[in-house]
Structure formats: C-alpha cells, structure tokens
C-alpha atoms as a PDB file:
ATOM      1  CA  UNK A   1     -19.470   8.828 -13.065  1.00  0.00           C
ATOM      2  CA  UNK A   2     -17.514   6.535 -10.685  1.00  0.00           C
ATOM      3  CA  UNK A   3     -18.216   3.675  -8.270  1.00  0.00           C
ATOM      4  CA  UNK A   4     -16.136   3.081  -5.116  1.00  0.00           C
ATOM      5  CA  UNK A   5     -15.678  -0.614  -4.379  1.00  0.00           C
ATOM      6  CA  UNK A   6     -14.681  -2.007  -1.022  1.00  0.00           C
ATOM      7  CA  UNK A   7     -16.119  -5.154   1.176  1.00  0.00           C
ATOM      8  CA  UNK A   8     -19.322  -3.511   2.024  1.00  0.00           C
ATOM      9  CA  UNK A   9     -20.378  -2.066  -1.518  1.00  0.00           C
ATOM     10  CA  UNK A  10     -18.707  -5.142  -3.250  1.00  0.00           C
ATOM     11  CA  UNK A  11     -20.918  -7.494  -1.372  1.00  0.00           C
ATOM     12  CA  UNK A  12     -24.034  -5.416  -2.058  1.00  0.00           C
ATOM     13  CA  UNK A  13     -23.532  -5.665  -5.652  1.00  0.00           C
ATOM     14  CA  UNK A  14     -22.893  -9.530  -5.495  1.00  0.00           C
ATOM     15  CA  UNK A  15     -26.075  -9.837  -3.335  1.00  0.00           C
ATOM     16  CA  UNK A  16     -28.025  -7.916  -6.050  1.00  0.00           C
ATOM     17  CA  UNK A  17     -26.794 -10.791  -8.498  1.00  0.00           C
ATOM     18  CA  UNK A  18     -23.667  -9.373 -10.065  1.00  0.00           C
ATOM     19  CA  UNK A  19     -20.967 -11.679 -10.929  1.00  0.00           C
ATOM     20  CA  UNK A  20     -18.336  -9.661 -11.104  1.00  0.00           C
ATOM     21  CA  UNK A  21     -18.648  -5.805  -9.426  1.00  0.00           C
ATOM     22  CA  UNK A  22     -15.489  -4.890 -11.065  1.00  0.00           C
ATOM     23  CA  UNK A  23     -17.290  -5.134 -14.365  1.00  0.00           C
ATOM     24  CA  UNK A  24     -19.171  -1.709 -14.797  1.00  0.00           C
ATOM     25  CA  UNK A  25     -19.448   1.030 -17.060  1.00  0.00           C
ATOM     26  CA  UNK A  26     -18.429   3.390 -14.536  1.00  0.00           C
ATOM     27  CA  UNK A  27     -14.779   4.359 -13.529  1.00  0.00           C
ATOM     28  CA  UNK A  28     -14.050   2.148 -10.561  1.00  0.00           C
ATOM     29  CA  UNK A  29     -12.202   3.533  -7.509  1.00  0.00           C
ATOM     30  CA  UNK A  30     -10.698   1.014  -5.112  1.00  0.00           C
ATOM     31  CA  UNK A  31      -7.574   0.681  -2.800  1.00  0.00           C
ATOM     32  CA  UNK A  32      -4.617  -1.395  -3.193  1.00  0.00           C
ATOM     33  CA  UNK A  33      -5.598  -3.986  -0.365  1.00  0.00           C
ATOM     34  CA  UNK A  34      -8.835  -4.461  -1.655  1.00  0.00           C
ATOM     35  CA  UNK A  35      -7.555  -4.785  -5.506  1.00  0.00           C
ATOM     36  CA  UNK A  36      -4.950  -7.419  -4.128  1.00  0.00           C
ATOM     37  CA  UNK A  37      -7.830  -9.447  -2.510  1.00  0.00           C
ATOM     38  CA  UNK A  38      -9.874  -9.397  -5.303  1.00  0.00           C
ATOM     39  CA  UNK A  39      -7.174  -9.899  -7.896  1.00  0.00           C
ATOM     40  CA  UNK A  40      -9.068 -12.692  -9.925  1.00  0.00           C
ATOM     41  CA  UNK A  41     -12.389 -10.467 -10.389  1.00  0.00           C
ATOM     42  CA  UNK A  42      -9.656  -7.478 -11.238  1.00  0.00           C
ATOM     43  CA  UNK A  43      -7.872  -9.678 -13.694  1.00  0.00           C
ATOM     44  CA  UNK A  44     -11.004 -10.909 -15.603  1.00  0.00           C
ATOM     45  CA  UNK A  45     -11.864  -7.339 -16.797  1.00  0.00           C
ATOM     46  CA  UNK A  46     -10.806  -5.738 -19.822  1.00  0.00           C
ATOM     47  CA  UNK A  47      -9.581  -2.305 -18.487  1.00  0.00           C
ATOM     48  CA  UNK A  48      -9.260   0.715 -20.889  1.00  0.00           C
ATOM     49  CA  UNK A  49      -6.751   2.244 -18.516  1.00  0.00           C
ATOM     50  CA  UNK A  50      -5.867   1.538 -14.712  1.00  0.00           C
ATOM     51  CA  UNK A  51      -4.517   4.869 -13.106  1.00  0.00           C
ATOM     52  CA  UNK A  52      -2.232   3.893  -9.731  1.00  0.00           C
ATOM     53  CA  UNK A  53      -2.243   6.850  -7.431  1.00  0.00           C
ATOM     54  CA  UNK A  54       0.519   7.134  -4.762  1.00  0.00           C
ATOM     55  CA  UNK A  55       2.687   4.706  -6.834  1.00  0.00           C
ATOM     56  CA  UNK A  56       5.694   4.913  -4.825  1.00  0.00           C
ATOM     57  CA  UNK A  57       4.116   2.311  -2.427  1.00  0.00           C
ATOM     58  CA  UNK A  58       4.798   0.062  -5.332  1.00  0.00           C
ATOM     59  CA  UNK A  59       8.501   0.661  -5.673  1.00  0.00           C
ATOM     60  CA  UNK A  60       9.766  -2.467  -3.908  1.00  0.00           C
ATOM     61  CA  UNK A  61       7.814  -4.815  -6.013  1.00  0.00           C
ATOM     62  CA  UNK A  62      11.067  -6.564  -7.117  1.00  0.00           C
ATOM     63  CA  UNK A  63      11.381  -7.773  -3.528  1.00  0.00           C
ATOM     64  CA  UNK A  64      10.008 -11.132  -3.030  1.00  0.00           C
ATOM     65  CA  UNK A  65       8.569 -10.091   0.391  1.00  0.00           C
ATOM     66  CA  UNK A  66       6.362  -7.237  -1.319  1.00  0.00           C
ATOM     67  CA  UNK A  67       3.176  -9.494  -1.709  1.00  0.00           C
ATOM     68  CA  UNK A  68       0.790  -6.591  -2.233  1.00  0.00           C
ATOM     69  CA  UNK A  69       2.859  -4.772  -4.904  1.00  0.00           C
ATOM     70  CA  UNK A  70       3.703  -8.438  -6.837  1.00  0.00           C
ATOM     71  CA  UNK A  71       0.068  -9.255  -6.773  1.00  0.00           C
ATOM     72  CA  UNK A  72      -1.089  -6.181  -8.252  1.00  0.00           C
ATOM     73  CA  UNK A  73       1.724  -6.192 -10.981  1.00  0.00           C
ATOM     74  CA  UNK A  74       0.826  -9.910 -11.784  1.00  0.00           C
ATOM     75  CA  UNK A  75      -2.871  -9.049 -11.834  1.00  0.00           C
ATOM     76  CA  UNK A  76      -2.344  -5.946 -14.479  1.00  0.00           C
ATOM     77  CA  UNK A  77       0.221  -7.522 -16.579  1.00  0.00           C
ATOM     78  CA  UNK A  78      -1.506  -7.390 -19.674  1.00  0.00           C
ATOM     79  CA  UNK A  79      -3.196  -3.734 -18.981  1.00  0.00           C
ATOM     80  CA  UNK A  80      -2.558  -0.312 -19.800  1.00  0.00           C
ATOM     81  CA  UNK A  81      -1.160   1.554 -16.624  1.00  0.00           C
ATOM     82  CA  UNK A  82      -0.554   5.040 -15.607  1.00  0.00           C
ATOM     83  CA  UNK A  83       1.528   5.475 -12.326  1.00  0.00           C
ATOM     84  CA  UNK A  84       1.261   8.976 -10.455  1.00  0.00           C
ATOM     85  CA  UNK A  85       3.514   9.816  -7.560  1.00  0.00           C
ATOM     86  CA  UNK A  86       5.048  12.805  -6.090  1.00  0.00           C
ATOM     87  CA  UNK A  87       7.820  10.999  -4.268  1.00  0.00           C
ATOM     88  CA  UNK A  88       9.047   8.313  -6.753  1.00  0.00           C
ATOM     89  CA  UNK A  89      12.407   7.692  -5.084  1.00  0.00           C
ATOM     90  CA  UNK A  90      13.393   7.512  -1.698  1.00  0.00           C
ATOM     91  CA  UNK A  91      16.001   5.243  -0.522  1.00  0.00           C
ATOM     92  CA  UNK A  92      17.953   3.983  -3.966  1.00  0.00           C
ATOM     93  CA  UNK A  93      17.963   3.655  -7.643  1.00  0.00           C
ATOM     94  CA  UNK A  94      16.543   0.122  -6.956  1.00  0.00           C
ATOM     95  CA  UNK A  95      13.125   1.487  -6.572  1.00  0.00           C
ATOM     96  CA  UNK A  96      12.881   3.377 -10.014  1.00  0.00           C
ATOM     97  CA  UNK A  97      13.756  -0.495 -11.243  1.00  0.00           C
ATOM     98  CA  UNK A  98      10.615  -1.449  -9.292  1.00  0.00           C
ATOM     99  CA  UNK A  99       8.340   1.410 -10.696  1.00  0.00           C
ATOM    100  CA  UNK A 100       9.455   1.077 -14.492  1.00  0.00           C
ATOM    101  CA  UNK A 101       9.050  -2.863 -14.457  1.00  0.00           C
ATOM    102  CA  UNK A 102       5.214  -2.052 -13.782  1.00  0.00           C
ATOM    103  CA  UNK A 103       5.073  -0.589 -16.971  1.00  0.00           C
ATOM    104  CA  UNK A 104       7.453  -2.610 -19.282  1.00  0.00           C
ATOM    105  CA  UNK A 105       9.621  -5.460 -17.508  1.00  0.00           C
ATOM    106  CA  UNK A 106      12.077  -5.161 -20.298  1.00  0.00           C
ATOM    107  CA  UNK A 107      13.324  -1.656 -20.158  1.00  0.00           C
ATOM    108  CA  UNK A 108      16.071  -2.690 -17.781  1.00  0.00           C
ATOM    109  CA  UNK A 109      16.400  -6.393 -18.236  1.00  0.00           C
ATOM    110  CA  UNK A 110      16.919  -8.351 -15.156  1.00  0.00           C
ATOM    111  CA  UNK A 111      17.220  -7.191 -11.577  1.00  0.00           C
ATOM    112  CA  UNK A 112      21.050  -8.455 -11.556  1.00  0.00           C
ATOM    113  CA  UNK A 113      22.172  -6.518 -14.929  1.00  0.00           C
ATOM    114  CA  UNK A 114      20.345  -3.146 -13.825  1.00  0.00           C
ATOM    115  CA  UNK A 115      22.142  -3.129 -10.236  1.00  0.00           C
ATOM    116  CA  UNK A 116      25.441  -3.728 -12.082  1.00  0.00           C
ATOM    117  CA  UNK A 117      24.786  -0.750 -14.331  1.00  0.00           C
ATOM    118  CA  UNK A 118      22.622   1.832 -12.427  1.00  0.00           C
ATOM    119  CA  UNK A 119      22.349   1.090  -8.793  1.00  0.00           C
ATOM    120  CA  UNK A 120      25.427   3.252  -8.024  1.00  0.00           C
ATOM    121  CA  UNK A 121      25.799   5.956 -10.785  1.00  0.00           C
ATOM    122  CA  UNK A 122      29.640   6.354 -10.878  1.00  0.00           C
ATOM    123  CA  UNK A 123      30.091   7.913 -14.411  1.00  0.00           C
ATOM    124  CA  UNK A 124      28.373  10.208 -16.847  1.00  0.00           C
ATOM    125  CA  UNK A 125      28.113   7.571 -19.394  1.00  0.00           C
ATOM    126  CA  UNK A 126      25.640   5.347 -17.105  1.00  0.00           C
ATOM    127  CA  UNK A 127      23.813   8.357 -16.152  1.00  0.00           C
ATOM    128  CA  UNK A 128      23.063   9.444 -19.704  1.00  0.00           C
ATOM    129  CA  UNK A 129      21.839   5.688 -20.594  1.00  0.00           C
ATOM    130  CA  UNK A 130      19.632   5.695 -17.566  1.00  0.00           C
ATOM    131  CA  UNK A 131      17.860   8.980 -18.542  1.00  0.00           C
ATOM    132  CA  UNK A 132      17.501   7.836 -22.256  1.00  0.00           C
ATOM    133  CA  UNK A 133      15.807   4.488 -21.149  1.00  0.00           C
ATOM    134  CA  UNK A 134      13.245   6.065 -18.899  1.00  0.00           C
ATOM    135  CA  UNK A 135      12.615   9.237 -21.326  1.00  0.00           C
ATOM    136  CA  UNK A 136       9.771   7.566 -23.438  1.00  0.00           C
ATOM    137  CA  UNK A 137       7.712   6.399 -20.146  1.00  0.00           C
ATOM    138  CA  UNK A 138       8.875   8.809 -17.288  1.00  0.00           C
ATOM    139  CA  UNK A 139       7.177  12.142 -17.383  1.00  0.00           C
ATOM    140  CA  UNK A 140       8.240  14.730 -14.497  1.00  0.00           C
ATOM    141  CA  UNK A 141       6.058  17.739 -14.069  1.00  0.00           C
ATOM    142  CA  UNK A 142       6.879  20.471 -11.788  1.00  0.00           C
ATOM    143  CA  UNK A 143       4.415  22.391  -9.658  1.00  0.00           C
ATOM    144  CA  UNK A 144       5.261  25.670 -11.383  1.00  0.00           C
ATOM    145  CA  UNK A 145       4.544  24.242 -14.746  1.00  0.00           C
ATOM    146  CA  UNK A 146       0.879  23.771 -14.311  1.00  0.00           C
ATOM    147  CA  UNK A 147       0.095  26.942 -12.223  1.00  0.00           C
ATOM    148  CA  UNK A 148      -1.916  28.125 -15.431  1.00  0.00           C
ATOM    149  CA  UNK A 149      -4.288  25.224 -15.269  1.00  0.00           C
ATOM    150  CA  UNK A 150      -4.463  24.686 -11.292  1.00  0.00           C
ATOM    151  CA  UNK A 151      -5.122  27.228  -8.684  1.00  0.00           C
ATOM    152  CA  UNK A 152      -3.394  25.742  -5.516  1.00  0.00           C
ATOM    153  CA  UNK A 153      -4.470  26.500  -2.132  1.00  0.00           C
ATOM    154  CA  UNK A 154      -2.140  28.399  -0.118  1.00  0.00           C
ATOM    155  CA  UNK A 155      -1.293  26.335   2.839  1.00  0.00           C
ATOM    156  CA  UNK A 156      -1.061  27.980   6.347  1.00  0.00           C
ATOM    157  CA  UNK A 157       0.229  25.642   8.981  1.00  0.00           C
ATOM    158  CA  UNK A 158      -1.658  25.968  12.451  1.00  0.00           C
ATOM    159  CA  UNK A 159      -0.899  24.025  15.585  1.00  0.00           C
ATOM    160  CA  UNK A 160      -3.959  22.663  17.225  1.00  0.00           C
ATOM    161  CA  UNK A 161      -3.566  21.264  20.673  1.00  0.00           C
ATOM    162  CA  UNK A 162      -5.046  18.111  21.442  1.00  0.00           C
ATOM    163  CA  UNK A 163      -5.845  16.647  25.025  1.00  0.00           C
ATOM    164  CA  UNK A 164      -7.161  13.026  25.078  1.00  0.00           C
ATOM    165  CA  UNK A 165     -10.280  12.321  27.010  1.00  0.00           C
ATOM    166  CA  UNK A 166     -10.358  10.216  29.878  1.00  0.00           C
ATOM    167  CA  UNK A 167     -11.677   7.225  28.242  1.00  0.00           C
ATOM    168  CA  UNK A 168      -9.053   7.808  25.462  1.00  0.00           C
ATOM    169  CA  UNK A 169      -6.287   7.887  28.140  1.00  0.00           C
ATOM    170  CA  UNK A 170      -7.454   4.719  29.905  1.00  0.00           C
ATOM    171  CA  UNK A 171      -7.492   3.130  26.445  1.00  0.00           C
ATOM    172  CA  UNK A 172      -3.993   4.126  25.772  1.00  0.00           C
ATOM    173  CA  UNK A 173      -2.642   2.668  28.919  1.00  0.00           C
ATOM    174  CA  UNK A 174      -4.502  -0.625  28.559  1.00  0.00           C
ATOM    175  CA  UNK A 175      -3.342  -1.055  25.080  1.00  0.00           C
ATOM    176  CA  UNK A 176       0.134  -0.024  26.029  1.00  0.00           C
ATOM    177  CA  UNK A 177       0.176  -2.387  28.909  1.00  0.00           C
ATOM    178  CA  UNK A 178      -0.804  -5.503  26.749  1.00  0.00           C
ATOM    179  CA  UNK A 179       1.656  -4.691  24.239  1.00  0.00           C
ATOM    180  CA  UNK A 180       4.357  -4.916  26.860  1.00  0.00           C
ATOM    181  CA  UNK A 181       3.478  -8.114  28.268  1.00  0.00           C
ATOM    182  CA  UNK A 182       6.163 -10.775  27.962  1.00  0.00           C
ATOM    183  CA  UNK A 183       4.064 -13.527  26.471  1.00  0.00           C
ATOM    184  CA  UNK A 184       2.095 -11.966  23.831  1.00  0.00           C
ATOM    185  CA  UNK A 185      -0.176 -14.787  21.971  1.00  0.00           C
ATOM    186  CA  UNK A 186      -1.992 -12.527  19.719  1.00  0.00           C
ATOM    187  CA  UNK A 187       1.108 -11.220  17.561  1.00  0.00           C
ATOM    188  CA  UNK A 188       3.745 -13.626  15.914  1.00  0.00           C
ATOM    189  CA  UNK A 189       7.114 -13.202  17.798  1.00  0.00           C
ATOM    190  CA  UNK A 190       9.003 -12.544  14.382  1.00  0.00           C
ATOM    191  CA  UNK A 191       6.890  -9.496  13.856  1.00  0.00           C
ATOM    192  CA  UNK A 192       6.116  -8.405  17.224  1.00  0.00           C
ATOM    193  CA  UNK A 193       8.216  -5.102  16.939  1.00  0.00           C
ATOM    194  CA  UNK A 194       6.696  -4.127  13.834  1.00  0.00           C
ATOM    195  CA  UNK A 195       3.063  -4.945  14.943  1.00  0.00           C
ATOM    196  CA  UNK A 196       3.688  -3.045  18.086  1.00  0.00           C
ATOM    197  CA  UNK A 197       4.596  -0.054  16.002  1.00  0.00           C
ATOM    198  CA  UNK A 198       1.600  -0.240  13.798  1.00  0.00           C
ATOM    199  CA  UNK A 199      -0.843  -0.445  16.593  1.00  0.00           C
ATOM    200  CA  UNK A 200       0.582   2.411  18.289  1.00  0.00           C
ATOM    201  CA  UNK A 201       0.232   4.155  15.291  1.00  0.00           C
ATOM    202  CA  UNK A 202      -3.462   3.422  15.118  1.00  0.00           C
ATOM    203  CA  UNK A 203      -3.862   3.986  18.840  1.00  0.00           C
ATOM    204  CA  UNK A 204      -2.358   7.462  18.359  1.00  0.00           C
ATOM    205  CA  UNK A 205      -4.710   8.350  15.630  1.00  0.00           C
ATOM    206  CA  UNK A 206      -8.263   7.606  17.248  1.00  0.00           C
ATOM    207  CA  UNK A 207     -10.136   5.127  19.021  1.00  0.00           C
ATOM    208  CA  UNK A 208     -12.103   4.310  15.702  1.00  0.00           C
ATOM    209  CA  UNK A 209      -8.639   3.724  14.000  1.00  0.00           C
ATOM    210  CA  UNK A 210      -7.687   1.228  16.367  1.00  0.00           C
ATOM    211  CA  UNK A 211     -11.193  -0.527  17.123  1.00  0.00           C
ATOM    212  CA  UNK A 212     -10.917  -2.682  14.130  1.00  0.00           C
ATOM    213  CA  UNK A 213      -7.455  -3.900  14.992  1.00  0.00           C
ATOM    214  CA  UNK A 214      -8.602  -4.869  18.415  1.00  0.00           C
ATOM    215  CA  UNK A 215     -11.496  -6.936  16.997  1.00  0.00           C
ATOM    216  CA  UNK A 216      -9.057  -8.627  14.836  1.00  0.00           C
ATOM    217  CA  UNK A 217      -6.552  -9.468  17.698  1.00  0.00           C
ATOM    218  CA  UNK A 218      -9.699 -10.714  19.836  1.00  0.00           C
ATOM    219  CA  UNK A 219     -10.820 -12.962  16.923  1.00  0.00           C
ATOM    220  CA  UNK A 220      -7.432 -14.580  16.746  1.00  0.00           C
ATOM    221  CA  UNK A 221      -7.257 -15.233  20.420  1.00  0.00           C
ATOM    222  CA  UNK A 222     -10.749 -16.952  20.138  1.00  0.00           C
ATOM    223  CA  UNK A 223      -9.344 -19.130  17.171  1.00  0.00           C
ATOM    224  CA  UNK A 224      -6.128 -19.980  19.293  1.00  0.00           C
ATOM    225  CA  UNK A 225      -8.284 -21.346  22.275  1.00  0.00           C
ATOM    226  CA  UNK A 226     -10.389 -23.411  19.790  1.00  0.00           C
ATOM    227  CA  UNK A 227      -7.215 -24.664  18.491  1.00  0.00           C
ATOM    228  CA  UNK A 228      -8.660 -23.517  14.933  1.00  0.00           C
ATOM    229  CA  UNK A 229      -6.585 -22.587  11.994  1.00  0.00           C
ATOM    230  CA  UNK A 230      -5.912 -18.865  11.552  1.00  0.00           C
ATOM    231  CA  UNK A 231      -6.126 -18.485   7.730  1.00  0.00           C
ATOM    232  CA  UNK A 232      -5.161 -14.914   7.627  1.00  0.00           C
ATOM    233  CA  UNK A 233      -1.433 -13.365   8.661  1.00  0.00           C
ATOM    234  CA  UNK A 234      -2.023 -10.803  11.243  1.00  0.00           C
ATOM    235  CA  UNK A 235      -0.131  -8.137   9.094  1.00  0.00           C
ATOM    236  CA  UNK A 236      -3.004  -8.851   6.397  1.00  0.00           C
ATOM    237  CA  UNK A 237      -5.620  -8.081   8.779  1.00  0.00           C
ATOM    238  CA  UNK A 238      -3.941  -5.053  10.035  1.00  0.00           C
ATOM    239  CA  UNK A 239      -3.391  -3.477   6.605  1.00  0.00           C
ATOM    240  CA  UNK A 240      -7.262  -3.133   6.454  1.00  0.00           C
ATOM    241  CA  UNK A 241      -6.821  -0.525   9.124  1.00  0.00           C
ATOM    242  CA  UNK A 242      -3.619   0.854   8.457  1.00  0.00           C
ATOM    243  CA  UNK A 243      -3.098   1.527   4.723  1.00  0.00           C
ATOM    244  CA  UNK A 244       0.332   2.103   4.687  1.00  0.00           C
ATOM    245  CA  UNK A 245       1.412  -1.070   6.395  1.00  0.00           C
ATOM    246  CA  UNK A 246       3.271  -2.492   3.243  1.00  0.00           C
ATOM    247  CA  UNK A 247       5.259   0.702   3.197  1.00  0.00           C
ATOM    248  CA  UNK A 248       6.327   0.287   6.645  1.00  0.00           C
ATOM    249  CA  UNK A 249       7.364  -3.355   6.285  1.00  0.00           C
ATOM    250  CA  UNK A 250       9.688  -2.506   3.469  1.00  0.00           C
ATOM    251  CA  UNK A 251      11.319   0.128   5.404  1.00  0.00           C
ATOM    252  CA  UNK A 252      11.545  -2.318   8.544  1.00  0.00           C
ATOM    253  CA  UNK A 253      13.321  -4.727   6.363  1.00  0.00           C
END
C-alpha cells in the first residue's frame, strides 16, 4: 500500500488535521522537488528506508549551485538510502563522487583529494583503488542477469506523425514572439537563455505542459507591476512544470 504526496494531496491531509502527512504507515511516493519543498516534514520522519529512483539526477550534489540535490542530501543525512539509476555517469568521474557521497561522505574524503586521485584515472593502481572503495556500496546488475525474473516487453519503435492544430500553432507563434522580445521582464537576464530553452521544451510537449509556466509568468509580471517582492526564483517555479530542470541547469553551467 502506498500514498502519493504532492501539493493537492498534502494540503488535503493537513485540512483533515494531519500535522505531518509524511508520517504514515504506508509507503510514501513523492518527487524530488516536493521533498525539497517540504524538507522539514521529511526530516522529522524516522524512515525505514528511502529509495531514490533516477538517482543520476543527484550526481552533481557536490556543486554549490545544485540546490535540490544538496537539500535532499541534508534532509536525509541520517537515513538509510538506496539509490537506483540506469545511467550513473554521463560526463566525468566527479559524478561518481557525488552519488557515493549521498550514501557515505567518508568513502572518498574531501573533494580535493578525490579529484587528485580519481578524476583522471591515469594508472592501474588508482583504478583498482577506486573499484575497491566502491565495491561495498555499488552494485551493478545487467539486464541479462535478471531475465529469469523479469519478462521485458519487446520494444517496437513506431513513427507517429504529429500535426499541431490551428490553436496550437497560434500559441506556439505567440510564445515564440514573446520570447524574442528585446525587453523581457518575466525572466532574469542572467537565465534568459536557459529559461527560453525550458519554455520551448514545454511548448513543444503540449499546451497543458506550458499552461502552468505561463501562469507563473503572469503572476510574476503582476507582482512587478505592484512593486511586490517576488519570493520564489523563476527556475524554482518552472521546476514544478519541468521536472528535469535541475539536470539541464547542471549541463548549462
């Protein structure tokens, strides 16, 4: 038995008098973003085990700019954890340092010594040392090793032609025209290119996908007109609609 916690279900539980909706006898399923937003509630629970799926999204936790990964790591610092990923490394061995630090901060010591020893494996001794250190905590399972337990569906790719409706085409043109404006108050100048990329990805996904982002932009502009303080950064707002935003931000840097 499990419970999915997101804004709507969380608020519903609170209205029903539950002090902390994360405290339940059932398995709790939630997103990275929501776990970060409700860090105090998550931290106060004595978890038996936290399973983190798609764990490669946390691989750059060692970078100060990676707010979500760092927040989740701090929140779950004293909790047993299992990280699952099919793509643990993508760009460098520093990502291995990030993932391993989620389980145990002391396996590799500080980031400087890891970088000196393992960032570039130039000799066999360092390579063997790296393998020995991660052996107790890193388990790799190949697809062929689990075929007797899991019957994988045979994947057959089919090409589906998609033609936007007239309304979708109009929306695409209007948003594109807006994003090309020289003076764009809704997006911070320092993140304009990144946010434009994200909005275009949402726009290409569906009208429903970009609706929330457009609502956020409208709210920000209304707040600016009233000279009100905007509490939430634009990238945090867009992260609710675009769950891989933190990954793209890492690559963007």
